């Protein structure tokens, strides 16, 4: 069936991208850690519950990724100065550098794959992605 073939090809493409990206970034940082770092890079110091909501994961999952990232020196955990009950996560300079490098690597990988398509094919693919992502 054509639909099954397309879904397998899409899954293969995602898997290859993931493998290539992991090889470039290195095995020490996981995808979920990188998502956490990107949120902190964009938002600044943030409560774990807000991160969980933004990433659509549990606070427990954020805690796991935060613990790993703290051990790696990529983020810090601090109490709010206005409310001591609130714990904020902040990205370190090392974490910022990792996010910046990861974004460059991601862009390079994507560019390599998308450069294989003609402008018309890219336009068509963009329309298809929009359709797949629509809420209808």
C-alpha atoms as a PDB file:
ATOM      1  CA  UNK A   1       0.000   0.000   0.000  1.00  0.00           C
ATOM      2  CA  UNK A   2       1.331   3.444  -0.950  1.00  0.00           C
ATOM      3  CA  UNK A   3       0.410   5.043   2.391  1.00  0.00           C
ATOM      4  CA  UNK A   4       2.402   2.423   4.323  1.00  0.00           C
ATOM      5  CA  UNK A   5       5.418   2.950   2.050  1.00  0.00           C
ATOM      6  CA  UNK A   6       5.301   6.721   2.568  1.00  0.00           C
ATOM      7  CA  UNK A   7       5.000   6.330   6.334  1.00  0.00           C
ATOM      8  CA  UNK A   8       7.984   3.931   6.375  1.00  0.00           C
ATOM      9  CA  UNK A   9      10.039   6.343   4.271  1.00  0.00           C
ATOM     10  CA  UNK A  10       9.147   9.224   6.581  1.00  0.00           C
ATOM     11  CA  UNK A  11      10.075   7.162   9.655  1.00  0.00           C
ATOM     12  CA  UNK A  12      13.367   6.176   8.003  1.00  0.00           C
ATOM     13  CA  UNK A  13      14.159   9.801   7.205  1.00  0.00           C
ATOM     14  CA  UNK A  14      13.478  10.833  10.814  1.00  0.00           C
ATOM     15  CA  UNK A  15      15.622   7.995  12.145  1.00  0.00           C
ATOM     16  CA  UNK A  16      18.528   8.861   9.805  1.00  0.00           C
ATOM     17  CA  UNK A  17      18.309  12.523  10.774  1.00  0.00           C
ATOM     18  CA  UNK A  18      18.293  11.598  14.455  1.00  0.00           C
ATOM     19  CA  UNK A  19      21.321   9.311  14.077  1.00  0.00           C
ATOM     20  CA  UNK A  20      23.275  11.896  12.105  1.00  0.00           C
ATOM     21  CA  UNK A  21      22.431  14.646  14.583  1.00  0.00           C
ATOM     22  CA  UNK A  22      23.389  12.495  17.605  1.00  0.00           C
ATOM     23  CA  UNK A  23      26.719  11.655  15.986  1.00  0.00           C
ATOM     24  CA  UNK A  24      27.498  15.333  15.440  1.00  0.00           C
ATOM     25  CA  UNK A  25      26.350  16.514  18.882  1.00  0.00           C
ATOM     26  CA  UNK A  26      27.953  13.622  20.706  1.00  0.00           C
ATOM     27  CA  UNK A  27      26.549  10.848  22.843  1.00  0.00           C
ATOM     28  CA  UNK A  28      26.655  12.732  26.137  1.00  0.00           C
ATOM     29  CA  UNK A  29      23.598  14.915  25.514  1.00  0.00           C
ATOM     30  CA  UNK A  30      20.193  13.421  24.814  1.00  0.00           C
ATOM     31  CA  UNK A  31      17.448  14.898  22.656  1.00  0.00           C
ATOM     32  CA  UNK A  32      15.253  15.655  25.681  1.00  0.00           C
ATOM     33  CA  UNK A  33      18.155  17.460  27.370  1.00  0.00           C
ATOM     34  CA  UNK A  34      18.609  19.559  24.263  1.00  0.00           C
ATOM     35  CA  UNK A  35      14.894  20.472  24.260  1.00  0.00           C
ATOM     36  CA  UNK A  36      15.248  21.593  27.876  1.00  0.00           C
ATOM     37  CA  UNK A  37      18.324  23.663  27.037  1.00  0.00           C
ATOM     38  CA  UNK A  38      16.566  25.304  24.101  1.00  0.00           C
ATOM     39  CA  UNK A  39      13.645  26.359  26.309  1.00  0.00           C
ATOM     40  CA  UNK A  40      16.022  27.862  28.864  1.00  0.00           C
ATOM     41  CA  UNK A  41      18.051  29.532  26.117  1.00  0.00           C
ATOM     42  CA  UNK A  42      14.905  31.177  24.732  1.00  0.00           C
ATOM     43  CA  UNK A  43      13.080  31.962  27.985  1.00  0.00           C
ATOM     44  CA  UNK A  44      15.767  32.533  30.590  1.00  0.00           C
ATOM     45  CA  UNK A  45      15.309  31.220  34.145  1.00  0.00           C
ATOM     46  CA  UNK A  46      12.134  29.118  34.175  1.00  0.00           C
ATOM     47  CA  UNK A  47      10.098  27.051  36.651  1.00  0.00           C
ATOM     48  CA  UNK A  48      10.133  23.312  36.013  1.00  0.00           C
ATOM     49  CA  UNK A  49       6.335  23.216  35.805  1.00  0.00           C
ATOM     50  CA  UNK A  50       6.408  25.841  33.036  1.00  0.00           C
ATOM     51  CA  UNK A  51       9.026  23.837  31.138  1.00  0.00           C
ATOM     52  CA  UNK A  52       6.944  20.690  31.511  1.00  0.00           C
ATOM     53  CA  UNK A  53       3.897  22.480  30.140  1.00  0.00           C
ATOM     54  CA  UNK A  54       5.839  23.938  27.216  1.00  0.00           C
ATOM     55  CA  UNK A  55       7.424  20.596  26.282  1.00  0.00           C
ATOM     56  CA  UNK A  56       4.212  18.677  27.060  1.00  0.00           C
ATOM     57  CA  UNK A  57       5.962  16.298  29.436  1.00  0.00           C
ATOM     58  CA  UNK A  58       5.712  15.605  33.160  1.00  0.00           C
ATOM     59  CA  UNK A  59       7.542  17.583  35.830  1.00  0.00           C
ATOM     60  CA  UNK A  60       9.233  14.280  36.722  1.00  0.00           C
ATOM     61  CA  UNK A  61      10.637  14.037  33.196  1.00  0.00           C
ATOM     62  CA  UNK A  62      11.913  17.615  33.458  1.00  0.00           C
ATOM     63  CA  UNK A  63      13.527  16.764  36.798  1.00  0.00           C
ATOM     64  CA  UNK A  64      15.329  13.776  35.248  1.00  0.00           C
ATOM     65  CA  UNK A  65      16.675  15.870  32.354  1.00  0.00           C
ATOM     66  CA  UNK A  66      17.539  18.723  34.707  1.00  0.00           C
ATOM     67  CA  UNK A  67      19.543  16.435  37.000  1.00  0.00           C
ATOM     68  CA  UNK A  68      21.517  15.100  34.029  1.00  0.00           C
ATOM     69  CA  UNK A  69      22.085  18.600  32.676  1.00  0.00           C
ATOM     70  CA  UNK A  70      23.191  19.953  36.056  1.00  0.00           C
ATOM     71  CA  UNK A  71      25.753  17.139  36.373  1.00  0.00           C
ATOM     72  CA  UNK A  72      27.025  18.035  32.890  1.00  0.00           C
ATOM     73  CA  UNK A  73      27.347  21.718  33.854  1.00  0.00           C
ATOM     74  CA  UNK A  74      24.760  22.813  31.271  1.00  0.00           C
ATOM     75  CA  UNK A  75      22.169  24.294  33.651  1.00  0.00           C
ATOM     76  CA  UNK A  76      21.810  25.401  37.259  1.00  0.00           C
ATOM     77  CA  UNK A  77      18.961  25.083  39.750  1.00  0.00           C
ATOM     78  CA  UNK A  78      18.253  28.172  41.880  1.00  0.00           C
ATOM     79  CA  UNK A  79      15.612  29.386  44.296  1.00  0.00           C
ATOM     80  CA  UNK A  80      13.595  32.405  43.221  1.00  0.00           C
ATOM     81  CA  UNK A  81      14.608  35.608  44.974  1.00  0.00           C
ATOM     82  CA  UNK A  82      10.953  36.655  45.265  1.00  0.00           C
ATOM     83  CA  UNK A  83       9.472  33.320  46.390  1.00  0.00           C
ATOM     84  CA  UNK A  84      11.786  30.801  48.078  1.00  0.00           C
ATOM     85  CA  UNK A  85       9.338  27.965  47.310  1.00  0.00           C
ATOM     86  CA  UNK A  86       9.915  28.410  43.569  1.00  0.00           C
ATOM     87  CA  UNK A  87      12.865  26.640  41.940  1.00  0.00           C
ATOM     88  CA  UNK A  88      14.138  28.045  38.668  1.00  0.00           C
ATOM     89  CA  UNK A  89      16.335  26.363  36.082  1.00  0.00           C
ATOM     90  CA  UNK A  90      18.883  28.522  34.241  1.00  0.00           C
ATOM     91  CA  UNK A  91      21.188  27.718  31.356  1.00  0.00           C
ATOM     92  CA  UNK A  92      24.956  28.106  31.826  1.00  0.00           C
ATOM     93  CA  UNK A  93      27.392  29.567  29.311  1.00  0.00           C
ATOM     94  CA  UNK A  94      28.410  26.000  28.424  1.00  0.00           C
ATOM     95  CA  UNK A  95      24.749  25.163  27.829  1.00  0.00           C
ATOM     96  CA  UNK A  96      24.301  28.228  25.606  1.00  0.00           C
ATOM     97  CA  UNK A  97      27.321  27.220  23.554  1.00  0.00           C
ATOM     98  CA  UNK A  98      25.952  23.693  23.164  1.00  0.00           C
ATOM     99  CA  UNK A  99      22.566  25.033  21.979  1.00  0.00           C
ATOM    100  CA  UNK A 100      24.249  27.348  19.495  1.00  0.00           C
ATOM    101  CA  UNK A 101      26.421  24.540  18.121  1.00  0.00           C
ATOM    102  CA  UNK A 102      23.465  22.142  17.977  1.00  0.00           C
ATOM    103  CA  UNK A 103      21.402  24.670  16.018  1.00  0.00           C
ATOM    104  CA  UNK A 104      24.213  25.078  13.494  1.00  0.00           C
ATOM    105  CA  UNK A 105      24.561  21.308  13.161  1.00  0.00           C
ATOM    106  CA  UNK A 106      20.799  20.865  12.790  1.00  0.00           C
ATOM    107  CA  UNK A 107      20.710  23.545  10.101  1.00  0.00           C
ATOM    108  CA  UNK A 108      23.586  21.882   8.233  1.00  0.00           C
ATOM    109  CA  UNK A 109      21.908  18.474   8.280  1.00  0.00           C
ATOM    110  CA  UNK A 110      18.569  19.892   7.145  1.00  0.00           C
ATOM    111  CA  UNK A 111      20.215  21.969   4.424  1.00  0.00           C
ATOM    112  CA  UNK A 112      22.016  18.924   3.083  1.00  0.00           C
ATOM    113  CA  UNK A 113      18.735  17.048   2.701  1.00  0.00           C
ATOM    114  CA  UNK A 114      16.571  19.942   1.526  1.00  0.00           C
ATOM    115  CA  UNK A 115      19.171  21.075  -1.033  1.00  0.00           C
ATOM    116  CA  UNK A 116      18.411  17.859  -2.936  1.00  0.00           C
ATOM    117  CA  UNK A 117      14.962  19.268  -3.750  1.00  0.00           C
ATOM    118  CA  UNK A 118      14.121  21.793  -6.451  1.00  0.00           C
ATOM    119  CA  UNK A 119      12.438  25.071  -5.493  1.00  0.00           C
ATOM    120  CA  UNK A 120       9.110  23.686  -6.752  1.00  0.00           C
ATOM    121  CA  UNK A 121       9.538  20.497  -4.728  1.00  0.00           C
ATOM    122  CA  UNK A 122      10.359  22.521  -1.610  1.00  0.00           C
ATOM    123  CA  UNK A 123       7.271  24.650  -2.102  1.00  0.00           C
ATOM    124  CA  UNK A 124       5.117  21.550  -2.516  1.00  0.00           C
ATOM    125  CA  UNK A 125       6.709  19.921   0.537  1.00  0.00           C
ATOM    126  CA  UNK A 126       6.040  23.063   2.580  1.00  0.00           C
ATOM    127  CA  UNK A 127       2.367  22.952   1.609  1.00  0.00           C
ATOM    128  CA  UNK A 128       2.196  19.272   2.517  1.00  0.00           C
ATOM    129  CA  UNK A 129       3.811  19.912   5.918  1.00  0.00           C
ATOM    130  CA  UNK A 130       1.313  22.712   6.572  1.00  0.00           C
ATOM    131  CA  UNK A 131      -1.531  20.385   5.695  1.00  0.00           C
ATOM    132  CA  UNK A 132      -0.167  17.625   7.962  1.00  0.00           C
ATOM    133  CA  UNK A 133       0.276  20.072  10.845  1.00  0.00           C
ATOM    134  CA  UNK A 134      -3.150  21.696  10.496  1.00  0.00           C
ATOM    135  CA  UNK A 135      -5.682  21.139  13.229  1.00  0.00           C
ATOM    136  CA  UNK A 136      -8.472  20.134  10.837  1.00  0.00           C
END
